Amino acid sequence: MAVQLVLHLKKQYFEEIKNGKKRFEYRLKTPYWHKRLVGKQYDSIRLLCGYPKVGEKDKEIVRRFKGYRPMIIKHPHFGKNPVRVYAIEVDSRV
């Protein structure tokens, strides 16, 4: 049985991934994301624009899961200070 990581994204970030402008989706390095990522094997990653209705395929991207890497980034979404994140690869060209 295929195991899939599902991520719900804000429209802005979904569109950036869809258009090839964004290579990573970031999740704060918390116990929750540690449990979901570290030591897990996923076959694919399903990126959803918000919480779409069943059948809204234009709000869904499915790609092969290529892993993640810990990073320290500074991003307005997380505030003004640098934060530790899991950078999940979402670019089909990576």
PDB file of N, CA and C in Angstrom:
ATOM      1  N   MET A   1       0.846  -1.188   0.000  1.00  0.00           N
ATOM      2  CA  MET A   1       0.000   0.000   0.000  1.00  0.00           C
ATOM      3  C   MET A   1       0.891   1.252   0.000  1.00  0.00           C
ATOM      4  N   ALA A   2       0.603   2.178  -0.887  1.00  0.00           N
ATOM      5  CA  ALA A   2       1.374   3.413  -0.998  1.00  0.00           C
ATOM      6  C   ALA A   2       1.071   4.335   0.177  1.00  0.00           C
ATOM      7  N   VAL A   3       2.129   4.930   0.713  1.00  0.00           N
ATOM      8  CA  VAL A   3       1.983   5.869   1.824  1.00  0.00           C
ATOM      9  C   VAL A   3       2.227   7.276   1.282  1.00  0.00           C
ATOM     10  N   GLN A   4       1.295   8.169   1.580  1.00  0.00           N
ATOM     11  CA  GLN A   4       1.337   9.512   1.023  1.00  0.00           C
ATOM     12  C   GLN A   4       1.356  10.558   2.141  1.00  0.00           C
ATOM     13  N   LEU A   5       2.249  11.541   1.995  1.00  0.00           N
ATOM     14  CA  LEU A   5       2.284  12.682   2.904  1.00  0.00           C
ATOM     15  C   LEU A   5       1.360  13.744   2.322  1.00  0.00           C
ATOM     16  N   VAL A   6       0.409  14.214   3.103  1.00  0.00           N
ATOM     17  CA  VAL A   6      -0.553  15.212   2.642  1.00  0.00           C
ATOM     18  C   VAL A   6      -0.256  16.536   3.342  1.00  0.00           C
ATOM     19  N   LEU A   7      -0.114  17.600   2.540  1.00  0.00           N
ATOM     20  CA  LEU A   7       0.122  18.941   3.078  1.00  0.00           C
ATOM     21  C   LEU A   7      -0.928  19.901   2.534  1.00  0.00           C
ATOM     22  N   HIS A   8      -1.541  20.667   3.421  1.00  0.00           N
ATOM     23  CA  HIS A   8      -2.492  21.700   3.035  1.00  0.00           C
ATOM     24  C   HIS A   8      -1.737  23.025   3.007  1.00  0.00           C
ATOM     25  N   LEU A   9      -1.888  23.757   1.897  1.00  0.00           N
ATOM     26  CA  LEU A   9      -1.127  24.982   1.689  1.00  0.00           C
ATOM     27  C   LEU A   9      -2.037  26.179   1.467  1.00  0.00           C
ATOM     28  N   LYS A  10      -1.514  27.347   1.802  1.00  0.00           N
ATOM     29  CA  LYS A  10      -2.191  28.583   1.430  1.00  0.00           C
ATOM     30  C   LYS A  10      -2.084  28.718  -0.093  1.00  0.00           C
ATOM     31  N   LYS A  11      -3.054  29.388  -0.681  1.00  0.00           N
ATOM     32  CA  LYS A  11      -3.119  29.505  -2.140  1.00  0.00           C
ATOM     33  C   LYS A  11      -1.825  30.065  -2.740  1.00  0.00           C
ATOM     34  N   GLN A  12      -1.266  31.071  -2.113  1.00  0.00           N
ATOM     35  CA  GLN A  12      -0.038  31.694  -2.617  1.00  0.00           C
ATOM     36  C   GLN A  12       1.079  30.663  -2.773  1.00  0.00           C
ATOM     37  N   TYR A  13       1.301  29.851  -1.750  1.00  0.00           N
ATOM     38  CA  TYR A  13       2.382  28.874  -1.775  1.00  0.00           C
ATOM     39  C   TYR A  13       2.070  27.719  -2.722  1.00  0.00           C
ATOM     40  N   PHE A  14       0.793  27.321  -2.802  1.00  0.00           N
ATOM     41  CA  PHE A  14       0.377  26.284  -3.738  1.00  0.00           C
ATOM     42  C   PHE A  14       0.680  26.724  -5.171  1.00  0.00           C
ATOM     43  N   GLU A  15       0.307  27.951  -5.510  1.00  0.00           N
ATOM     44  CA  GLU A  15       0.536  28.476  -6.866  1.00  0.00           C
ATOM     45  C   GLU A  15       2.030  28.582  -7.176  1.00  0.00           C
ATOM     46  N   GLU A  16       2.832  28.987  -6.209  1.00  0.00           N
ATOM     47  CA  GLU A  16       4.280  29.088  -6.421  1.00  0.00           C
ATOM     48  C   GLU A  16       4.880  27.711  -6.715  1.00  0.00           C
ATOM     49  N   ILE A  17       4.414  26.683  -6.026  1.00  0.00           N
ATOM     50  CA  ILE A  17       4.900  25.328  -6.287  1.00  0.00           C
ATOM     51  C   ILE A  17       4.427  24.863  -7.656  1.00  0.00           C
ATOM     52  N   LYS A  18       3.163  25.101  -7.951  1.00  0.00           N
ATOM     53  CA  LYS A  18       2.579  24.696  -9.227  1.00  0.00           C
ATOM     54  C   LYS A  18       3.312  25.338 -10.403  1.00  0.00           C
ATOM     55  N   ASN A  19       3.714  26.598 -10.236  1.00  0.00           N
ATOM     56  CA  ASN A  19       4.407  27.332 -11.302  1.00  0.00           C
ATOM     57  C   ASN A  19       5.916  27.113 -11.308  1.00  0.00           C
ATOM     58  N   GLY A  20       6.422  26.287 -10.400  1.00  0.00           N
ATOM     59  CA  GLY A  20       7.845  25.978 -10.365  1.00  0.00           C
ATOM     60  C   GLY A  20       8.711  27.025  -9.700  1.00  0.00           C
ATOM     61  N   LYS A  21       8.122  27.993  -8.989  1.00  0.00           N
ATOM     62  CA  LYS A  21       8.890  29.047  -8.337  1.00  0.00           C
ATOM     63  C   LYS A  21       9.347  28.666  -6.931  1.00  0.00           C
ATOM     64  N   LYS A  22       8.669  27.691  -6.339  1.00  0.00           N
ATOM     65  CA  LYS A  22       8.986  27.294  -4.965  1.00  0.00           C
ATOM     66  C   LYS A  22       9.438  25.844  -4.965  1.00  0.00           C
ATOM     67  N   ARG A  23      10.615  25.590  -4.413  1.00  0.00           N
ATOM     68  CA  ARG A  23      11.203  24.252  -4.422  1.00  0.00           C
ATOM     69  C   ARG A  23      10.973  23.470  -3.138  1.00  0.00           C
ATOM     70  N   PHE A  24      10.671  24.170  -2.051  1.00  0.00           N
ATOM     71  CA  PHE A  24      10.500  23.520  -0.754  1.00  0.00           C
ATOM     72  C   PHE A  24       9.248  24.037  -0.064  1.00  0.00           C
ATOM     73  N   GLU A  25       8.603  23.174   0.679  1.00  0.00           N
ATOM     74  CA  GLU A  25       7.517  23.584   1.564  1.00  0.00           C
ATOM     75  C   GLU A  25       8.064  23.437   2.978  1.00  0.00           C
ATOM     76  N   TYR A  26       7.907  24.475   3.779  1.00  0.00           N
ATOM     77  CA  TYR A  26       8.512  24.509   5.108  1.00  0.00           C
ATOM     78  C   TYR A  26       7.499  24.204   6.203  1.00  0.00           C
ATOM     79  N   ARG A  27       7.937  23.414   7.166  1.00  0.00           N
ATOM     80  CA  ARG A  27       7.152  23.135   8.352  1.00  0.00           C
ATOM     81  C   ARG A  27       8.064  23.341   9.558  1.00  0.00           C
ATOM     82  N   LEU A  28       7.555  24.045  10.572  1.00  0.00           N
ATOM     83  CA  LEU A  28       8.355  24.298  11.771  1.00  0.00           C
ATOM     84  C   LEU A  28       8.841  22.995  12.383  1.00  0.00           C
ATOM     85  N   LYS A  29      10.041  23.036  12.920  1.00  0.00           N
ATOM     86  CA  LYS A  29      10.621  21.856  13.554  1.00  0.00           C
ATOM     87  C   LYS A  29      10.011  21.712  14.949  1.00  0.00           C
ATOM     88  N   THR A  30       8.865  21.020  14.980  1.00  0.00           N
ATOM     89  CA  THR A  30       8.122  20.793  16.216  1.00  0.00           C
ATOM     90  C   THR A  30       8.006  19.285  16.434  1.00  0.00           C
ATOM     91  N   PRO A  31       7.625  18.856  17.640  1.00  0.00           N
ATOM     92  CA  PRO A  31       7.416  17.414  17.867  1.00  0.00           C
ATOM     93  C   PRO A  31       6.393  16.812  16.892  1.00  0.00           C
ATOM     94  N   TYR A  32       5.371  17.580  16.539  1.00  0.00           N
ATOM     95  CA  TYR A  32       4.351  17.098  15.603  1.00  0.00           C
ATOM     96  C   TYR A  32       4.975  16.735  14.257  1.00  0.00           C
ATOM     97  N   TRP A  33       5.752  17.671  13.682  1.00  0.00           N
ATOM     98  CA  TRP A  33       6.355  17.414  12.367  1.00  0.00           C
ATOM     99  C   TRP A  33       7.496  16.418  12.461  1.00  0.00           C
ATOM    100  N   HIS A  34       8.180  16.376  13.581  1.00  0.00           N
ATOM    101  CA  HIS A  34       9.217  15.362  13.788  1.00  0.00           C
ATOM    102  C   HIS A  34       8.589  13.966  13.678  1.00  0.00           C
ATOM    103  N   LYS A  35       7.470  13.782  14.350  1.00  0.00           N
ATOM    104  CA  LYS A  35       6.783  12.484  14.339  1.00  0.00           C
ATOM    105  C   LYS A  35       6.292  12.119  12.943  1.00  0.00           C
ATOM    106  N   ARG A  36       5.866  13.095  12.171  1.00  0.00           N
ATOM    107  CA  ARG A  36       5.344  12.835  10.824  1.00  0.00           C
ATOM    108  C   ARG A  36       6.436  12.625   9.787  1.00  0.00           C
ATOM    109  N   LEU A  37       7.641  13.133  10.026  1.00  0.00           N
ATOM    110  CA  LEU A  37       8.679  13.070   8.995  1.00  0.00           C
ATOM    111  C   LEU A  37       9.861  12.159   9.320  1.00  0.00           C
ATOM    112  N   VAL A  38      10.404  12.284  10.505  1.00  0.00           N
ATOM    113  CA  VAL A  38      11.651  11.597  10.840  1.00  0.00           C
ATOM    114  C   VAL A  38      11.429  10.086  10.925  1.00  0.00           C
ATOM    115  N   GLY A  39      12.198   9.353  10.121  1.00  0.00           N
ATOM    116  CA  GLY A  39      12.112   7.895  10.105  1.00  0.00           C
ATOM    117  C   GLY A  39      10.947   7.340   9.307  1.00  0.00           C
ATOM    118  N   LYS A  40      10.199   8.187   8.636  1.00  0.00           N
ATOM    119  CA  LYS A  40       9.038   7.749   7.851  1.00  0.00           C
ATOM    120  C   LYS A  40       9.434   7.588   6.388  1.00  0.00           C
ATOM    121  N   GLN A  41       8.765   6.664   5.722  1.00  0.00           N
ATOM    122  CA  GLN A  41       8.964   6.429   4.292  1.00  0.00           C
ATOM    123  C   GLN A  41       7.658   6.740   3.567  1.00  0.00           C
ATOM    124  N   TYR A  42       7.690   7.737   2.706  1.00  0.00           N
ATOM    125  CA  TYR A  42       6.521   8.097   1.909  1.00  0.00           C
ATOM    126  C   TYR A  42       6.820   7.812   0.445  1.00  0.00           C
ATOM    127  N   ASP A  43       5.804   7.386  -0.285  1.00  0.00           N
ATOM    128  CA  ASP A  43       5.940   7.156  -1.723  1.00  0.00           C
ATOM    129  C   ASP A  43       5.710   8.448  -2.499  1.00  0.00           C
ATOM    130  N   SER A  44       4.761   9.253  -2.008  1.00  0.00           N
ATOM    131  CA  SER A  44       4.425  10.483  -2.715  1.00  0.00           C
ATOM    132  C   SER A  44       4.017  11.558  -1.720  1.00  0.00           C
ATOM    133  N   ILE A  45       3.915  12.765  -2.267  1.00  0.00           N
ATOM    134  CA  ILE A  45       3.474  13.907  -1.472  1.00  0.00           C
ATOM    135  C   ILE A  45       2.276  14.517  -2.200  1.00  0.00           C
ATOM    136  N   ARG A  46       1.222  14.774  -1.458  1.00  0.00           N
ATOM    137  CA  ARG A  46      -0.002  15.352  -2.017  1.00  0.00           C
ATOM    138  C   ARG A  46      -0.139  16.753  -1.455  1.00  0.00           C
ATOM    139  N   LEU A  47      -0.052  17.732  -2.331  1.00  0.00           N
ATOM    140  CA  LEU A  47      -0.136  19.138  -1.943  1.00  0.00           C
ATOM    141  C   LEU A  47      -1.518  19.651  -2.307  1.00  0.00           C
ATOM    142  N   LEU A  48      -2.228  20.179  -1.321  1.00  0.00           N
ATOM    143  CA  LEU A  48      -3.589  20.651  -1.537  1.00  0.00           C
ATOM    144  C   LEU A  48      -3.689  22.144  -1.281  1.00  0.00           C
ATOM    145  N   CYS A  49      -4.424  22.818  -2.144  1.00  0.00           N
ATOM    146  CA  CYS A  49      -4.683  24.250  -1.978  1.00  0.00           C
ATOM    147  C   CYS A  49      -5.827  24.386  -0.987  1.00  0.00           C
ATOM    148  N   GLY A  50      -5.484  24.664   0.252  1.00  0.00           N
ATOM    149  CA  GLY A  50      -6.494  24.752   1.309  1.00  0.00           C
ATOM    150  C   GLY A  50      -7.087  23.395   1.603  1.00  0.00           C
ATOM    151  N   TYR A  51      -8.410  23.356   1.683  1.00  0.00           N
ATOM    152  CA  TYR A  51      -9.147  22.118   1.932  1.00  0.00           C
ATOM    153  C   TYR A  51     -10.181  21.964   0.816  1.00  0.00           C
ATOM    154  N   PRO A  52      -9.732  21.508  -0.362  1.00  0.00           N
ATOM    155  CA  PRO A  52     -10.634  21.446  -1.515  1.00  0.00           C
ATOM    156  C   PRO A  52     -11.719  20.385  -1.368  1.00  0.00           C
ATOM    157  N   LYS A  53     -12.791  20.604  -2.129  1.00  0.00           N
ATOM    158  CA  LYS A  53     -13.871  19.624  -2.189  1.00  0.00           C
ATOM    159  C   LYS A  53     -13.393  18.427  -3.008  1.00  0.00           C
ATOM    160  N   VAL A  54     -14.017  17.295  -2.781  1.00  0.00           N
ATOM    161  CA  VAL A  54     -13.685  16.090  -3.540  1.00  0.00           C
ATOM    162  C   VAL A  54     -13.883  16.372  -5.028  1.00  0.00           C
ATOM    163  N   GLY A  55     -12.890  16.014  -5.821  1.00  0.00           N
ATOM    164  CA  GLY A  55     -12.985  16.196  -7.263  1.00  0.00           C
ATOM    165  C   GLY A  55     -12.364  17.478  -7.785  1.00  0.00           C
ATOM    166  N   GLU A  56     -11.950  18.369  -6.907  1.00  0.00           N
ATOM    167  CA  GLU A  56     -11.309  19.618  -7.358  1.00  0.00           C
ATOM    168  C   GLU A  56      -9.836  19.343  -7.658  1.00  0.00           C
ATOM    169  N   LYS A  57      -9.583  18.686  -8.769  1.00  0.00           N
ATOM    170  CA  LYS A  57      -8.229  18.262  -9.132  1.00  0.00           C
ATOM    171  C   LYS A  57      -7.291  19.430  -9.431  1.00  0.00           C
ATOM    172  N   ASP A  58      -7.841  20.601  -9.769  1.00  0.00           N
ATOM    173  CA  ASP A  58      -6.994  21.763 -10.029  1.00  0.00           C
ATOM    174  C   ASP A  58      -6.393  22.325  -8.748  1.00  0.00           C
ATOM    175  N   LYS A  59      -6.854  21.846  -7.604  1.00  0.00           N
ATOM    176  CA  LYS A  59      -6.331  22.290  -6.313  1.00  0.00           C
ATOM    177  C   LYS A  59      -5.500  21.201  -5.648  1.00  0.00           C
ATOM    178  N   GLU A  60      -4.936  20.327  -6.474  1.00  0.00           N
ATOM    179  CA  GLU A  60      -4.160  19.205  -5.962  1.00  0.00           C
ATOM    180  C   GLU A  60      -2.947  18.954  -6.868  1.00  0.00           C
ATOM    181  N   ILE A  61      -1.808  18.723  -6.226  1.00  0.00           N
ATOM    182  CA  ILE A  61      -0.583  18.338  -6.932  1.00  0.00           C
ATOM    183  C   ILE A  61      -0.062  17.093  -6.234  1.00  0.00           C
ATOM    184  N   VAL A  62       0.256  16.068  -7.004  1.00  0.00           N
ATOM    185  CA  VAL A  62       0.848  14.860  -6.438  1.00  0.00           C
ATOM    186  C   VAL A  62       2.213  14.681  -7.083  1.00  0.00           C
ATOM    187  N   ARG A  63       3.207  14.525  -6.243  1.00  0.00           N
ATOM    188  CA  ARG A  63       4.586  14.347  -6.720  1.00  0.00           C
ATOM    189  C   ARG A  63       5.256  13.238  -5.927  1.00  0.00           C
ATOM    190  N   ARG A  64       6.328  12.713  -6.495  1.00  0.00           N
ATOM    191  CA  ARG A  64       7.111  11.703  -5.792  1.00  0.00           C
ATOM    192  C   ARG A  64       7.764  12.363  -4.589  1.00  0.00           C
ATOM    193  N   PHE A  65       7.730  11.683  -3.445  1.00  0.00           N
ATOM    194  CA  PHE A  65       8.353  12.215  -2.232  1.00  0.00           C
ATOM    195  C   PHE A  65       9.865  12.044  -2.344  1.00  0.00           C
ATOM    196  N   LYS A  66      10.583  13.155  -2.234  1.00  0.00           N
ATOM    197  CA  LYS A  66      12.040  13.135  -2.351  1.00  0.00           C
ATOM    198  C   LYS A  66      12.734  13.429  -1.036  1.00  0.00           C
ATOM    199  N   GLY A  67      11.981  13.571   0.019  1.00  0.00           N
ATOM    200  CA  GLY A  67      12.588  13.780   1.320  1.00  0.00           C
ATOM    201  C   GLY A  67      12.522  15.208   1.820  1.00  0.00           C
ATOM    202  N   TYR A  68      13.287  15.442   2.861  1.00  0.00           N
ATOM    203  CA  TYR A  68      13.303  16.743   3.528  1.00  0.00           C
ATOM    204  C   TYR A  68      14.698  16.949   4.099  1.00  0.00           C
ATOM    205  N   ARG A  69      14.947  18.157   4.520  1.00  0.00           N
ATOM    206  CA  ARG A  69      16.209  18.465   5.200  1.00  0.00           C
ATOM    207  C   ARG A  69      15.957  19.537   6.251  1.00  0.00           C
ATOM    208  N   PRO A  70      16.631  19.432   7.381  1.00  0.00           N
ATOM    209  CA  PRO A  70      16.495  20.486   8.385  1.00  0.00           C
ATOM    210  C   PRO A  70      17.212  21.750   7.902  1.00  0.00           C
ATOM    211  N   MET A  71      16.610  22.886   8.161  1.00  0.00           N
ATOM    212  CA  MET A  71      17.194  24.169   7.766  1.00  0.00           C
ATOM    213  C   MET A  71      16.860  25.215   8.821  1.00  0.00           C
ATOM    214  N   ILE A  72      17.586  26.303   8.764  1.00  0.00           N
ATOM    215  CA  ILE A  72      17.240  27.496   9.526  1.00  0.00           C
ATOM    216  C   ILE A  72      16.942  28.563   8.487  1.00  0.00           C
ATOM    217  N   ILE A  73      15.734  29.116   8.542  1.00  0.00           N
ATOM    218  CA  ILE A  73      15.329  30.114   7.554  1.00  0.00           C
ATOM    219  C   ILE A  73      14.726  31.331   8.250  1.00  0.00           C
ATOM    220  N   LYS A  74      14.653  32.396   7.502  1.00  0.00           N
ATOM    221  CA  LYS A  74      13.956  33.597   7.942  1.00  0.00           C
ATOM    222  C   LYS A  74      12.870  33.836   6.893  1.00  0.00           C
ATOM    223  N   HIS A  75      11.618  33.824   7.332  1.00  0.00           N
ATOM    224  CA  HIS A  75      10.490  33.953   6.406  1.00  0.00           C
ATOM    225  C   HIS A  75       9.372  34.713   7.103  1.00  0.00           C
ATOM    226  N   PRO A  76       8.739  35.660   6.401  1.00  0.00           N
ATOM    227  CA  PRO A  76       7.674  36.461   7.018  1.00  0.00           C
ATOM    228  C   PRO A  76       6.549  35.625   7.624  1.00  0.00           C
ATOM    229  N   HIS A  77       6.279  34.466   7.048  1.00  0.00           N
ATOM    230  CA  HIS A  77       5.208  33.608   7.557  1.00  0.00           C
ATOM    231  C   HIS A  77       5.480  33.156   9.000  1.00  0.00           C
ATOM    232  N   PHE A  78       6.765  33.016   9.356  1.00  0.00           N
ATOM    233  CA  PHE A  78       7.141  32.536  10.682  1.00  0.00           C
ATOM    234  C   PHE A  78       7.581  33.655  11.627  1.00  0.00           C
ATOM    235  N   GLY A  79       7.491  34.884  11.194  1.00  0.00           N
ATOM    236  CA  GLY A  79       7.893  36.004  12.043  1.00  0.00           C
ATOM    237  C   GLY A  79       9.221  36.596  11.579  1.00  0.00           C
ATOM    238  N   LYS A  80       9.759  37.513  12.375  1.00  0.00           N
ATOM    239  CA  LYS A  80      10.960  38.239  11.938  1.00  0.00           C
ATOM    240  C   LYS A  80      12.266  37.541  12.289  1.00  0.00           C
ATOM    241  N   ASN A  81      12.236  36.574  13.192  1.00  0.00           N
ATOM    242  CA  ASN A  81      13.462  35.886  13.603  1.00  0.00           C
ATOM    243  C   ASN A  81      13.669  34.581  12.837  1.00  0.00           C
ATOM    244  N   PRO A  82      14.915  34.154  12.672  1.00  0.00           N
ATOM    245  CA  PRO A  82      15.178  32.861  12.033  1.00  0.00           C
ATOM    246  C   PRO A  82      14.566  31.719  12.848  1.00  0.00           C
ATOM    247  N   VAL A  83      14.087  30.696  12.138  1.00  0.00           N
ATOM    248  CA  VAL A  83      13.464  29.540  12.785  1.00  0.00           C
ATOM    249  C   VAL A  83      14.015  28.246  12.190  1.00  0.00           C
ATOM    250  N   ARG A  84      13.950  27.187  12.975  1.00  0.00           N
ATOM    251  CA  ARG A  84      14.338  25.855  12.500  1.00  0.00           C
ATOM    252  C   ARG A  84      13.114  25.215  11.849  1.00  0.00           C
ATOM    253  N   VAL A  85      13.329  24.689  10.641  1.00  0.00           N
ATOM    254  CA  VAL A  85      12.233  24.083   9.892  1.00  0.00           C
ATOM    255  C   VAL A  85      12.672  22.766   9.265  1.00  0.00           C
ATOM    256  N   TYR A  86      11.676  22.005   8.828  1.00  0.00           N
ATOM    257  CA  TYR A  86      11.899  20.887   7.924  1.00  0.00           C
ATOM    258  C   TYR A  86      11.550  21.419   6.541  1.00  0.00           C
ATOM    259  N   ALA A  87      12.501  21.379   5.621  1.00  0.00           N
ATOM    260  CA  ALA A  87      12.287  21.826   4.252  1.00  0.00           C
ATOM    261  C   ALA A  87      11.976  20.588   3.414  1.00  0.00           C
ATOM    262  N   ILE A  88      10.714  20.450   3.044  1.00  0.00           N
ATOM    263  CA  ILE A  88      10.245  19.296   2.301  1.00  0.00           C
ATOM    264  C   ILE A  88      10.359  19.596   0.817  1.00  0.00           C
ATOM    265  N   GLU A  89      11.101  18.752   0.078  1.00  0.00           N
ATOM    266  CA  GLU A  89      11.300  18.973  -1.355  1.00  0.00           C
ATOM    267  C   GLU A  89       9.996  18.741  -2.109  1.00  0.00           C
ATOM    268  N   VAL A  90       9.580  19.725  -2.898  1.00  0.00           N
ATOM    269  CA  VAL A  90       8.340  19.615  -3.667  1.00  0.00           C
ATOM    270  C   VAL A  90       8.532  19.915  -5.146  1.00  0.00           C
ATOM    271  N   ASP A  91       9.693  20.325  -5.540  1.00  0.00           N
ATOM    272  CA  ASP A  91       9.964  20.667  -6.935  1.00  0.00           C
ATOM    273  C   ASP A  91      10.153  19.392  -7.746  1.00  0.00           C
ATOM    274  N   SER A  92       9.413  19.250  -8.814  1.00  0.00           N
ATOM    275  CA  SER A  92       9.518  18.050  -9.647  1.00  0.00           C
ATOM    276  C   SER A  92      10.867  17.970 -10.354  1.00  0.00           C
ATOM    277  N   ARG A  93      11.584  19.069 -10.452  1.00  0.00           N
ATOM    278  CA  ARG A  93      12.886  19.092 -11.126  1.00  0.00           C
ATOM    279  C   ARG A  93      14.037  18.717 -10.187  1.00  0.00           C
ATOM    280  N   VAL A  94      13.767  18.659  -8.865  1.00  0.00           N
ATOM    281  CA  VAL A  94      14.824  18.384  -7.883  1.00  0.00           C
ATOM    282  C   VAL A  94      15.239  16.936  -7.972  1.00  0.00           C
TER     283      VAL A  94
END
